[in-house]
PDB file of N, CA and C in Angstrom:
ATOM      1  N   MET A   1      93.135 162.508 230.804  1.00  0.00           N
ATOM      2  CA  MET A   1      92.602 161.079 230.941  1.00  0.00           C
ATOM      3  C   MET A   1      91.650 160.874 229.887  1.00  0.00           C
ATOM      4  N   ALA A   2      90.805 161.670 229.308  1.00  0.00           N
ATOM      5  CA  ALA A   2      89.868 161.596 228.315  1.00  0.00           C
ATOM      6  C   ALA A   2      90.580 160.954 227.026  1.00  0.00           C
ATOM      7  N   GLN A   3      91.881 161.356 226.795  1.00  0.00           N
ATOM      8  CA  GLN A   3      92.562 160.827 225.633  1.00  0.00           C
ATOM      9  C   GLN A   3      92.725 159.406 225.526  1.00  0.00           C
ATOM     10  N   PHE A   4      92.782 158.657 226.882  1.00  0.00           N
ATOM     11  CA  PHE A   4      92.965 157.398 226.876  1.00  0.00           C
ATOM     12  C   PHE A   4      91.790 156.512 226.970  1.00  0.00           C
ATOM     13  N   ARG A   5      90.625 157.100 227.520  1.00  0.00           N
ATOM     14  CA  ARG A   5      89.392 156.381 227.717  1.00  0.00           C
ATOM     15  C   ARG A   5      88.658 156.181 226.315  1.00  0.00           C
ATOM     16  N   ALA A   6      88.013 154.922 226.261  1.00  0.00           N
ATOM     17  CA  ALA A   6      87.284 154.651 225.092  1.00  0.00           C
ATOM     18  C   ALA A   6      86.144 155.503 224.887  1.00  0.00           C
ATOM     19  N   ASN A   7      85.531 155.587 223.627  1.00  0.00           N
ATOM     20  CA  ASN A   7      84.349 156.413 223.550  1.00  0.00           C
ATOM     21  C   ASN A   7      83.166 155.875 224.292  1.00  0.00           C
ATOM     22  N   ARG A   8      83.104 154.548 224.186  1.00  0.00           N
ATOM     23  CA  ARG A   8      81.967 153.868 224.776  1.00  0.00           C
ATOM     24  C   ARG A   8      82.441 152.831 225.779  1.00  0.00           C
ATOM     25  N   LEU A   9      82.225 152.963 226.891  1.00  0.00           N
ATOM     26  CA  LEU A   9      82.569 152.255 228.113  1.00  0.00           C
ATOM     27  C   LEU A   9      81.513 150.986 228.378  1.00  0.00           C
ATOM     28  N   ASP A  10      82.146 149.829 228.599  1.00  0.00           N
ATOM     29  CA  ASP A  10      81.284 148.735 228.957  1.00  0.00           C
ATOM     30  C   ASP A  10      81.189 148.714 230.392  1.00  0.00           C
ATOM     31  N   LEU A  11      80.283 149.285 231.047  1.00  0.00           N
ATOM     32  CA  LEU A  11      80.195 149.546 232.437  1.00  0.00           C
ATOM     33  C   LEU A  11      79.731 148.323 233.149  1.00  0.00           C
ATOM     34  N   GLY A  12      79.673 147.051 232.680  1.00  0.00           N
ATOM     35  CA  GLY A  12      79.197 145.935 233.355  1.00  0.00           C
ATOM     36  C   GLY A  12      80.072 145.448 234.455  1.00  0.00           C
ATOM     37  N   CYS A  13      81.254 145.542 234.274  1.00  0.00           N
ATOM     38  CA  CYS A  13      82.091 145.121 235.171  1.00  0.00           C
ATOM     39  C   CYS A  13      82.709 146.026 236.340  1.00  0.00           C
ATOM     40  N   PHE A  14      82.430 147.300 236.048  1.00  0.00           N
ATOM     41  CA  PHE A  14      83.012 148.395 236.974  1.00  0.00           C
ATOM     42  C   PHE A  14      81.859 148.908 237.975  1.00  0.00           C
ATOM     43  N   ILE A  15      82.472 149.299 239.038  1.00  0.00           N
ATOM     44  CA  ILE A  15      81.739 149.694 240.299  1.00  0.00           C
ATOM     45  C   ILE A  15      81.430 151.176 240.288  1.00  0.00           C
ATOM     46  N   ASN A  16      82.598 151.892 240.410  1.00  0.00           N
ATOM     47  CA  ASN A  16      82.381 153.354 240.268  1.00  0.00           C
ATOM     48  C   ASN A  16      83.544 153.750 239.494  1.00  0.00           C
ATOM     49  N   LYS A  17      83.562 155.394 239.551  1.00  0.00           N
ATOM     50  CA  LYS A  17      84.443 156.138 238.739  1.00  0.00           C
ATOM     51  C   LYS A  17      85.852 155.677 239.077  1.00  0.00           C
ATOM     52  N   PHE A  18      86.194 155.333 240.185  1.00  0.00           N
ATOM     53  CA  PHE A  18      87.623 155.058 240.776  1.00  0.00           C
ATOM     54  C   PHE A  18      88.167 153.761 240.017  1.00  0.00           C
ATOM     55  N   VAL A  19      87.224 152.799 239.872  1.00  0.00           N
ATOM     56  CA  VAL A  19      87.800 151.529 239.270  1.00  0.00           C
ATOM     57  C   VAL A  19      87.956 151.764 237.942  1.00  0.00           C
ATOM     58  N   ILE A  20      86.868 152.526 237.133  1.00  0.00           N
ATOM     59  CA  ILE A  20      87.199 152.910 235.773  1.00  0.00           C
ATOM     60  C   ILE A  20      88.532 153.437 235.564  1.00  0.00           C
ATOM     61  N   ARG A  21      88.903 154.519 236.511  1.00  0.00           N
ATOM     62  CA  ARG A  21      90.184 155.254 236.443  1.00  0.00           C
ATOM     63  C   ARG A  21      91.330 154.226 236.678  1.00  0.00           C
ATOM     64  N   ASP A  22      91.256 153.487 237.586  1.00  0.00           N
ATOM     65  CA  ASP A  22      92.424 152.509 237.686  1.00  0.00           C
ATOM     66  C   ASP A  22      92.493 151.401 236.538  1.00  0.00           C
ATOM     67  N   HIS A  23      91.389 151.035 235.947  1.00  0.00           N
ATOM     68  CA  HIS A  23      91.426 150.186 234.890  1.00  0.00           C
ATOM     69  C   HIS A  23      92.170 150.969 233.628  1.00  0.00           C
ATOM     70  N   THR A  24      91.834 152.277 233.439  1.00  0.00           N
ATOM     71  CA  THR A  24      92.302 152.853 232.414  1.00  0.00           C
ATOM     72  C   THR A  24      93.877 152.975 232.638  1.00  0.00           C
ATOM     73  N   LYS A  25      94.270 153.504 233.802  1.00  0.00           N
ATOM     74  CA  LYS A  25      95.619 153.671 234.226  1.00  0.00           C
ATOM     75  C   LYS A  25      96.577 152.425 234.041  1.00  0.00           C
ATOM     76  N   ARG A  26      95.946 151.128 234.497  1.00  0.00           N
ATOM     77  CA  ARG A  26      96.811 150.002 234.138  1.00  0.00           C
ATOM     78  C   ARG A  26      96.923 149.661 232.654  1.00  0.00           C
ATOM     79  N   LYS A  27      95.854 150.025 231.962  1.00  0.00           N
ATOM     80  CA  LYS A  27      95.867 149.678 230.506  1.00  0.00           C
ATOM     81  C   LYS A  27      96.975 150.674 229.838  1.00  0.00           C
ATOM     82  N   VAL A  28      96.910 151.880 230.153  1.00  0.00           N
ATOM     83  CA  VAL A  28      97.876 152.787 229.610  1.00  0.00           C
ATOM     84  C   VAL A  28      99.270 152.516 229.989  1.00  0.00           C
ATOM     85  N   PHE A  29      99.369 152.255 231.174  1.00  0.00           N
ATOM     86  CA  PHE A  29     100.723 151.738 231.702  1.00  0.00           C
ATOM     87  C   PHE A  29     101.389 150.725 230.946  1.00  0.00           C
ATOM     88  N   THR A  30     100.520 149.548 230.734  1.00  0.00           N
ATOM     89  CA  THR A  30     101.098 148.427 229.861  1.00  0.00           C
ATOM     90  C   THR A  30     101.251 148.863 228.468  1.00  0.00           C
ATOM     91  N   GLU A  31     100.673 149.789 227.939  1.00  0.00           N
ATOM     92  CA  GLU A  31     100.905 150.080 226.555  1.00  0.00           C
ATOM     93  C   GLU A  31     102.225 150.872 226.317  1.00  0.00           C
ATOM     94  N   TYR A  32     102.518 151.676 227.422  1.00  0.00           N
ATOM     95  CA  TYR A  32     103.643 152.509 227.355  1.00  0.00           C
ATOM     96  C   TYR A  32     104.942 152.186 228.068  1.00  0.00           C
ATOM     97  N   GLU A  33     104.908 151.036 228.723  1.00  0.00           N
ATOM     98  CA  GLU A  33     105.870 150.630 229.563  1.00  0.00           C
ATOM     99  C   GLU A  33     107.161 150.448 228.731  1.00  0.00           C
ATOM    100  N   THR A  34     107.281 149.628 227.573  1.00  0.00           N
ATOM    101  CA  THR A  34     108.556 149.579 226.889  1.00  0.00           C
ATOM    102  C   THR A  34     109.119 150.767 226.500  1.00  0.00           C
ATOM    103  N   GLU A  35     108.223 151.804 225.940  1.00  0.00           N
ATOM    104  CA  GLU A  35     108.815 153.102 225.640  1.00  0.00           C
ATOM    105  C   GLU A  35     109.470 153.962 226.898  1.00  0.00           C
ATOM    106  N   ARG A  36     108.862 153.869 228.048  1.00  0.00           N
ATOM    107  CA  ARG A  36     109.335 154.467 229.143  1.00  0.00           C
ATOM    108  C   ARG A  36     110.715 153.664 229.535  1.00  0.00           C
ATOM    109  N   GLN A  37     110.762 152.449 229.485  1.00  0.00           N
ATOM    110  CA  GLN A  37     112.138 151.748 229.736  1.00  0.00           C
ATOM    111  C   GLN A  37     113.080 152.222 228.882  1.00  0.00           C
ATOM    112  N   ALA A  38     112.885 152.262 227.683  1.00  0.00           N
ATOM    113  CA  ALA A  38     113.921 152.622 226.708  1.00  0.00           C
ATOM    114  C   ALA A  38     114.341 154.050 226.975  1.00  0.00           C
ATOM    115  N   LEU A  39     113.448 155.022 227.269  1.00  0.00           N
ATOM    116  CA  LEU A  39     113.814 156.320 227.455  1.00  0.00           C
ATOM    117  C   LEU A  39     114.812 156.274 228.727  1.00  0.00           C
ATOM    118  N   ARG A  40     114.290 155.823 229.743  1.00  0.00           N
ATOM    119  CA  ARG A  40     115.232 155.742 231.004  1.00  0.00           C
ATOM    120  C   ARG A  40     116.532 154.892 230.772  1.00  0.00           C
ATOM    121  N   TYR A  41     116.678 153.948 229.822  1.00  0.00           N
ATOM    122  CA  TYR A  41     117.869 153.376 229.578  1.00  0.00           C
ATOM    123  C   TYR A  41     118.736 154.502 228.906  1.00  0.00           C
ATOM    124  N   ILE A  42     118.136 155.242 228.008  1.00  0.00           N
ATOM    125  CA  ILE A  42     118.994 156.333 227.244  1.00  0.00           C
ATOM    126  C   ILE A  42     119.460 157.151 228.306  1.00  0.00           C
ATOM    127  N   ILE A  43     118.773 157.673 229.306  1.00  0.00           N
ATOM    128  CA  ILE A  43     118.994 158.717 230.036  1.00  0.00           C
ATOM    129  C   ILE A  43     120.071 158.174 230.996  1.00  0.00           C
ATOM    130  N   ARG A  44     120.113 157.098 231.495  1.00  0.00           N
ATOM    131  CA  ARG A  44     121.098 156.596 232.436  1.00  0.00           C
ATOM    132  C   ARG A  44     122.493 156.015 231.690  1.00  0.00           C
ATOM    133  N   ASN A  45     122.514 155.928 230.432  1.00  0.00           N
ATOM    134  CA  ASN A  45     123.715 155.511 229.656  1.00  0.00           C
ATOM    135  C   ASN A  45     124.453 156.624 229.432  1.00  0.00           C
ATOM    136  N   THR A  46     125.703 156.787 230.220  1.00  0.00           N
ATOM    137  CA  THR A  46     126.559 157.783 230.232  1.00  0.00           C
ATOM    138  C   THR A  46     127.474 157.831 229.044  1.00  0.00           C
ATOM    139  N   THR A  47     127.457 156.812 228.199  1.00  0.00           N
ATOM    140  CA  THR A  47     128.363 156.750 227.112  1.00  0.00           C
ATOM    141  C   THR A  47     127.857 157.504 225.931  1.00  0.00           C
ATOM    142  N   LEU A  48     126.364 157.734 225.873  1.00  0.00           N
ATOM    143  CA  LEU A  48     125.735 158.284 224.834  1.00  0.00           C
ATOM    144  C   LEU A  48     126.139 159.911 225.013  1.00  0.00           C
ATOM    145  N   PRO A  49     125.788 160.519 223.792  1.00  0.00           N
ATOM    146  CA  PRO A  49     125.954 162.087 223.841  1.00  0.00           C
ATOM    147  C   PRO A  49     124.976 162.870 224.769  1.00  0.00           C
ATOM    148  N   GLN A  50     125.347 163.756 225.340  1.00  0.00           N
ATOM    149  CA  GLN A  50     124.490 164.585 226.439  1.00  0.00           C
ATOM    150  C   GLN A  50     123.412 165.119 225.716  1.00  0.00           C
ATOM    151  N   ARG A  51     123.323 165.567 224.310  1.00  0.00           N
ATOM    152  CA  ARG A  51     122.264 166.027 223.793  1.00  0.00           C
ATOM    153  C   ARG A  51     121.074 164.931 223.688  1.00  0.00           C
ATOM    154  N   MET A  52     121.457 163.704 223.329  1.00  0.00           N
ATOM    155  CA  MET A  52     120.623 162.613 223.092  1.00  0.00           C
ATOM    156  C   MET A  52     119.847 162.356 224.532  1.00  0.00           C
ATOM    157  N   ARG A  53     120.745 162.407 225.617  1.00  0.00           N
ATOM    158  CA  ARG A  53     120.226 162.124 226.990  1.00  0.00           C
ATOM    159  C   ARG A  53     119.272 163.030 227.344  1.00  0.00           C
ATOM    160  N   ALA A  54     119.514 164.355 227.048  1.00  0.00           N
ATOM    161  CA  ALA A  54     118.577 165.459 227.550  1.00  0.00           C
ATOM    162  C   ALA A  54     117.278 165.322 226.698  1.00  0.00           C
ATOM    163  N   SER A  55     117.283 165.085 225.376  1.00  0.00           N
ATOM    164  CA  SER A  55     116.096 165.051 224.617  1.00  0.00           C
ATOM    165  C   SER A  55     115.176 163.732 225.076  1.00  0.00           C
ATOM    166  N   ALA A  56     115.939 162.668 225.428  1.00  0.00           N
ATOM    167  CA  ALA A  56     115.136 161.398 226.114  1.00  0.00           C
ATOM    168  C   ALA A  56     114.580 161.921 227.521  1.00  0.00           C
ATOM    169  N   GLN A  57     115.132 162.686 228.180  1.00  0.00           N
ATOM    170  CA  GLN A  57     114.638 163.098 229.650  1.00  0.00           C
ATOM    171  C   GLN A  57     113.603 164.040 229.247  1.00  0.00           C
ATOM    172  N   LEU A  58     113.596 164.975 228.289  1.00  0.00           N
ATOM    173  CA  LEU A  58     112.437 165.875 227.981  1.00  0.00           C
ATOM    174  C   LEU A  58     111.145 165.152 227.551  1.00  0.00           C
ATOM    175  N   LYS A  59     111.424 164.029 226.782  1.00  0.00           N
ATOM    176  CA  LYS A  59     110.266 163.265 226.246  1.00  0.00           C
ATOM    177  C   LYS A  59     109.530 162.412 227.247  1.00  0.00           C
ATOM    178  N   LEU A  60     110.547 162.085 228.175  1.00  0.00           N
ATOM    179  CA  LEU A  60     110.116 161.245 229.413  1.00  0.00           C
ATOM    180  C   LEU A  60     109.218 162.097 230.362  1.00  0.00           C
ATOM    181  N   SER A  61     109.651 163.356 230.573  1.00  0.00           N
ATOM    182  CA  SER A  61     109.007 164.217 231.470  1.00  0.00           C
ATOM    183  C   SER A  61     107.629 164.957 230.891  1.00  0.00           C
ATOM    184  N   GLN A  62     107.524 164.701 229.578  1.00  0.00           N
ATOM    185  CA  GLN A  62     106.413 165.082 228.811  1.00  0.00           C
ATOM    186  C   GLN A  62     105.294 164.157 228.491  1.00  0.00           C
ATOM    187  N   MET A  63     105.663 162.851 228.962  1.00  0.00           N
ATOM    188  CA  MET A  63     104.577 161.722 228.751  1.00  0.00           C
ATOM    189  C   MET A  63     103.553 162.107 229.793  1.00  0.00           C
ATOM    190  N   HIS A  64     102.515 161.464 229.602  1.00  0.00           N
ATOM    191  CA  HIS A  64     101.198 161.670 230.378  1.00  0.00           C
ATOM    192  C   HIS A  64     101.417 160.938 231.756  1.00  0.00           C
ATOM    193  N   CYS A  65     100.901 161.342 232.774  1.00  0.00           N
ATOM    194  CA  CYS A  65     101.132 160.743 234.058  1.00  0.00           C
ATOM    195  C   CYS A  65     100.690 159.362 234.293  1.00  0.00           C
ATOM    196  N   TYR A  66      99.651 159.118 233.531  1.00  0.00           N
ATOM    197  CA  TYR A  66      99.139 157.542 233.506  1.00  0.00           C
ATOM    198  C   TYR A  66     100.129 156.524 233.026  1.00  0.00           C
ATOM    199  N   THR A  67     101.201 157.138 232.424  1.00  0.00           N
ATOM    200  CA  THR A  67     102.071 155.999 232.063  1.00  0.00           C
ATOM    201  C   THR A  67     102.964 155.797 233.000  1.00  0.00           C
ATOM    202  N   ARG A  68     102.983 156.387 234.273  1.00  0.00           N
ATOM    203  CA  ARG A  68     103.874 156.082 235.361  1.00  0.00           C
ATOM    204  C   ARG A  68     103.442 154.901 236.213  1.00  0.00           C
ATOM    205  N   PRO A  69     104.391 153.994 236.677  1.00  0.00           N
ATOM    206  CA  PRO A  69     103.891 153.025 237.453  1.00  0.00           C
ATOM    207  C   PRO A  69     103.383 153.263 238.843  1.00  0.00           C
ATOM    208  N   THR A  70     103.791 154.479 239.201  1.00  0.00           N
ATOM    209  CA  THR A  70     103.281 154.914 240.552  1.00  0.00           C
ATOM    210  C   THR A  70     101.825 155.370 240.702  1.00  0.00           C
ATOM    211  N   GLN A  71     101.320 155.547 239.445  1.00  0.00           N
ATOM    212  CA  GLN A  71      99.808 155.841 239.380  1.00  0.00           C
ATOM    213  C   GLN A  71      98.861 154.880 239.524  1.00  0.00           C
ATOM    214  N   ILE A  72      99.439 153.596 239.402  1.00  0.00           N
ATOM    215  CA  ILE A  72      98.486 152.365 239.590  1.00  0.00           C
ATOM    216  C   ILE A  72      98.176 152.206 241.246  1.00  0.00           C
ATOM    217  N   HIS A  73      96.967 152.081 241.681  1.00  0.00           N
ATOM    218  CA  HIS A  73      96.657 151.859 243.000  1.00  0.00           C
ATOM    219  C   HIS A  73      95.776 150.592 243.016  1.00  0.00           C
ATOM    220  N   ASN A  74      96.055 149.655 243.900  1.00  0.00           N
ATOM    221  CA  ASN A  74      95.341 148.566 243.989  1.00  0.00           C
ATOM    222  C   ASN A  74      93.960 148.743 244.502  1.00  0.00           C
ATOM    223  N   ARG A  75      92.859 148.308 243.896  1.00  0.00           N
ATOM    224  CA  ARG A  75      91.552 148.646 244.254  1.00  0.00           C
ATOM    225  C   ARG A  75      90.854 147.383 244.236  1.00  0.00           C
ATOM    226  N   CYS A  76      89.636 147.395 245.088  1.00  0.00           N
ATOM    227  CA  CYS A  76      88.961 145.970 245.066  1.00  0.00           C
ATOM    228  C   CYS A  76      88.068 146.088 243.944  1.00  0.00           C
ATOM    229  N   LEU A  77      88.070 144.905 243.211  1.00  0.00           N
ATOM    230  CA  LEU A  77      87.280 144.720 242.008  1.00  0.00           C
ATOM    231  C   LEU A  77      85.603 144.736 242.429  1.00  0.00           C
ATOM    232  N   MET A  78      85.453 144.228 243.636  1.00  0.00           N
ATOM    233  CA  MET A  78      84.042 144.152 243.912  1.00  0.00           C
ATOM    234  C   MET A  78      83.287 145.386 244.449  1.00  0.00           C
ATOM    235  N   GLY A  79      84.165 146.054 245.187  1.00  0.00           N
ATOM    236  CA  GLY A  79      83.476 147.306 245.844  1.00  0.00           C
ATOM    237  C   GLY A  79      84.254 148.545 245.549  1.00  0.00           C
ATOM    238  N   GLY A  80      85.330 148.620 244.835  1.00  0.00           N
ATOM    239  CA  GLY A  80      86.067 149.748 244.462  1.00  0.00           C
ATOM    240  C   GLY A  80      86.837 150.294 245.677  1.00  0.00           C
ATOM    241  N   LYS A  81      86.947 149.649 246.751  1.00  0.00           N
ATOM    242  CA  LYS A  81      87.527 150.186 247.915  1.00  0.00           C
ATOM    243  C   LYS A  81      89.141 150.335 247.790  1.00  0.00           C
ATOM    244  N   GLY A  82      89.917 151.313 248.206  1.00  0.00           N
ATOM    245  CA  GLY A  82      91.206 151.578 247.983  1.00  0.00           C
ATOM    246  C   GLY A  82      92.107 151.260 249.060  1.00  0.00           C
ATOM    247  N   ARG A  83      91.543 150.732 250.187  1.00  0.00           N
ATOM    248  CA  ARG A  83      92.443 150.386 251.265  1.00  0.00           C
ATOM    249  C   ARG A  83      92.043 148.907 251.951  1.00  0.00           C
ATOM    250  N   GLY A  84      93.039 148.424 252.431  1.00  0.00           N
ATOM    251  CA  GLY A  84      92.873 147.086 252.877  1.00  0.00           C
ATOM    252  C   GLY A  84      92.513 145.981 251.791  1.00  0.00           C
ATOM    253  N   VAL A  85      93.397 146.022 250.768  1.00  0.00           N
ATOM    254  CA  VAL A  85      92.978 145.343 249.542  1.00  0.00           C
ATOM    255  C   VAL A  85      94.158 144.125 249.545  1.00  0.00           C
ATOM    256  N   PHE A  86      93.746 143.065 249.333  1.00  0.00           N
ATOM    257  CA  PHE A  86      94.769 141.878 249.414  1.00  0.00           C
ATOM    258  C   PHE A  86      95.121 141.806 247.686  1.00  0.00           C
ATOM    259  N   ARG A  87      96.645 141.893 247.633  1.00  0.00           N
ATOM    260  CA  ARG A  87      97.034 142.024 246.312  1.00  0.00           C
ATOM    261  C   ARG A  87      96.871 140.801 245.625  1.00  0.00           C
ATOM    262  N   ASP A  88      96.882 139.599 246.008  1.00  0.00           N
ATOM    263  CA  ASP A  88      96.783 138.304 245.383  1.00  0.00           C
ATOM    264  C   ASP A  88      95.381 138.163 244.864  1.00  0.00           C
ATOM    265  N   PHE A  89      94.336 138.761 245.562  1.00  0.00           N
ATOM    266  CA  PHE A  89      92.973 138.362 245.089  1.00  0.00           C
ATOM    267  C   PHE A  89      92.280 139.716 244.583  1.00  0.00           C
ATOM    268  N   ARG A  90      92.937 140.934 244.787  1.00  0.00           N
ATOM    269  CA  ARG A  90      92.412 142.250 244.308  1.00  0.00           C
ATOM    270  C   ARG A  90      91.063 142.437 245.026  1.00  0.00           C
ATOM    271  N   MET A  91      90.921 142.037 246.312  1.00  0.00           N
ATOM    272  CA  MET A  91      89.692 142.120 246.916  1.00  0.00           C
ATOM    273  C   MET A  91      89.979 142.896 248.291  1.00  0.00           C
ATOM    274  N   ALA A  92      89.035 143.697 248.695  1.00  0.00           N
ATOM    275  CA  ALA A  92      89.039 144.407 250.004  1.00  0.00           C
ATOM    276  C   ALA A  92      88.919 143.233 251.134  1.00  0.00           C
ATOM    277  N   ARG A  93      89.294 143.573 252.379  1.00  0.00           N
ATOM    278  CA  ARG A  93      89.228 142.432 253.382  1.00  0.00           C
ATOM    279  C   ARG A  93      87.910 141.860 253.625  1.00  0.00           C
ATOM    280  N   TYR A  94      86.856 142.847 253.714  1.00  0.00           N
ATOM    281  CA  TYR A  94      85.408 142.308 253.956  1.00  0.00           C
ATOM    282  C   TYR A  94      85.118 141.499 252.737  1.00  0.00           C
ATOM    283  N   GLN A  95      85.328 141.807 251.563  1.00  0.00           N
ATOM    284  CA  GLN A  95      84.654 141.292 250.372  1.00  0.00           C
ATOM    285  C   GLN A  95      85.452 139.757 250.263  1.00  0.00           C
ATOM    286  N   PHE A  96      86.807 139.797 250.626  1.00  0.00           N
ATOM    287  CA  PHE A  96      87.551 138.493 250.705  1.00  0.00           C
ATOM    288  C   PHE A  96      86.912 137.566 251.670  1.00  0.00           C
ATOM    289  N   ARG A  97      86.544 138.156 252.890  1.00  0.00           N
ATOM    290  CA  ARG A  97      85.985 137.382 253.988  1.00  0.00           C
ATOM    291  C   ARG A  97      84.715 136.727 253.482  1.00  0.00           C
ATOM    292  N   VAL A  98      83.824 137.624 253.015  1.00  0.00           N
ATOM    293  CA  VAL A  98      82.561 137.124 252.402  1.00  0.00           C
ATOM    294  C   VAL A  98      82.578 136.139 251.434  1.00  0.00           C
ATOM    295  N   ASN A  99      83.335 136.304 250.486  1.00  0.00           N
ATOM    296  CA  ASN A  99      83.592 135.352 249.369  1.00  0.00           C
ATOM    297  C   ASN A  99      84.189 134.033 249.847  1.00  0.00           C
ATOM    298  N   ALA A 100      85.342 134.183 250.725  1.00  0.00           N
ATOM    299  CA  ALA A 100      85.698 132.848 251.245  1.00  0.00           C
ATOM    300  C   ALA A 100      84.794 132.088 252.086  1.00  0.00           C
ATOM    301  N   LEU A 101      83.983 132.781 252.814  1.00  0.00           N
ATOM    302  CA  LEU A 101      82.955 131.839 253.645  1.00  0.00           C
ATOM    303  C   LEU A 101      81.906 131.313 252.813  1.00  0.00           C
ATOM    304  N   GLU A 102      81.540 131.848 251.709  1.00  0.00           N
ATOM    305  CA  GLU A 102      80.688 131.365 250.789  1.00  0.00           C
ATOM    306  C   GLU A 102      81.359 130.314 249.866  1.00  0.00           C
ATOM    307  N   GLY A 103      82.728 130.277 249.792  1.00  0.00           N
ATOM    308  CA  GLY A 103      83.214 129.022 249.095  1.00  0.00           C
ATOM    309  C   GLY A 103      83.639 129.507 247.668  1.00  0.00           C
ATOM    310  N   ASN A 104      83.451 130.772 247.306  1.00  0.00           N
ATOM    311  CA  ASN A 104      83.729 131.330 245.921  1.00  0.00           C
ATOM    312  C   ASN A 104      85.056 131.303 245.722  1.00  0.00           C
ATOM    313  N   ILE A 105      86.190 131.350 246.671  1.00  0.00           N
ATOM    314  CA  ILE A 105      87.568 131.419 246.248  1.00  0.00           C
ATOM    315  C   ILE A 105      88.232 130.091 246.619  1.00  0.00           C
ATOM    316  N   PRO A 106      88.582 129.423 245.503  1.00  0.00           N
ATOM    317  CA  PRO A 106      89.221 128.069 245.543  1.00  0.00           C
ATOM    318  C   PRO A 106      90.291 128.014 246.460  1.00  0.00           C
ATOM    319  N   GLY A 107      90.608 127.088 247.321  1.00  0.00           N
ATOM    320  CA  GLY A 107      91.670 126.919 248.016  1.00  0.00           C
ATOM    321  C   GLY A 107      91.815 127.772 249.403  1.00  0.00           C
ATOM    322  N   VAL A 108      90.656 128.474 249.684  1.00  0.00           N
ATOM    323  CA  VAL A 108      90.731 129.283 250.843  1.00  0.00           C
ATOM    324  C   VAL A 108      89.433 128.685 251.724  1.00  0.00           C
ATOM    325  N   LYS A 109      89.741 128.505 252.926  1.00  0.00           N
ATOM    326  CA  LYS A 109      88.660 127.960 253.904  1.00  0.00           C
ATOM    327  C   LYS A 109      89.038 128.778 255.274  1.00  0.00           C
ATOM    328  N   LYS A 110      87.980 128.682 255.954  1.00  0.00           N
ATOM    329  CA  LYS A 110      88.223 129.259 257.330  1.00  0.00           C
ATOM    330  C   LYS A 110      89.150 128.427 258.187  1.00  0.00           C
ATOM    331  N   ALA A 111      90.006 129.074 259.009  1.00  0.00           N
ATOM    332  CA  ALA A 111      90.931 128.482 259.782  1.00  0.00           C
ATOM    333  C   ALA A 111      90.453 127.956 261.125  1.00  0.00           C
ATOM    334  N   SER A 112      90.664 126.702 261.353  1.00  0.00           N
ATOM    335  CA  SER A 112      90.307 126.104 262.573  1.00  0.00           C
ATOM    336  C   SER A 112      91.273 125.296 263.318  1.00  0.00           C
ATOM    337  N   TRP A 113      91.814 125.481 264.493  1.00  0.00           N
ATOM    338  CA  TRP A 113      92.709 124.584 265.143  1.00  0.00           C
ATOM    339  C   TRP A 113      92.412 124.401 266.688  1.00  0.00           C
TER     340      TRP A 113
END
């Protein structure tokens, strides 16, 4: 992880270490996404020679785990919570409720019928 993290972090927008780690994972994933897709295409292409496919598979398996899409976990930007996070707003349920009641989220209001 240290190989991807910046030497000096701007901690103004981060809540805790989990949010910093999630931010790093997202950044690394977007950086290496095209390379991973190319390697996966080579591995699945049966018309290519077996040696080329095997070397692509070896390269893919040796890539850092942060380059995988499964490493990204939705976390609340406000509190760093990892469960009960609304994907569209990237907020936990409680933070979403508080911000919606204060009117900080445009287009969201308390339902009444």
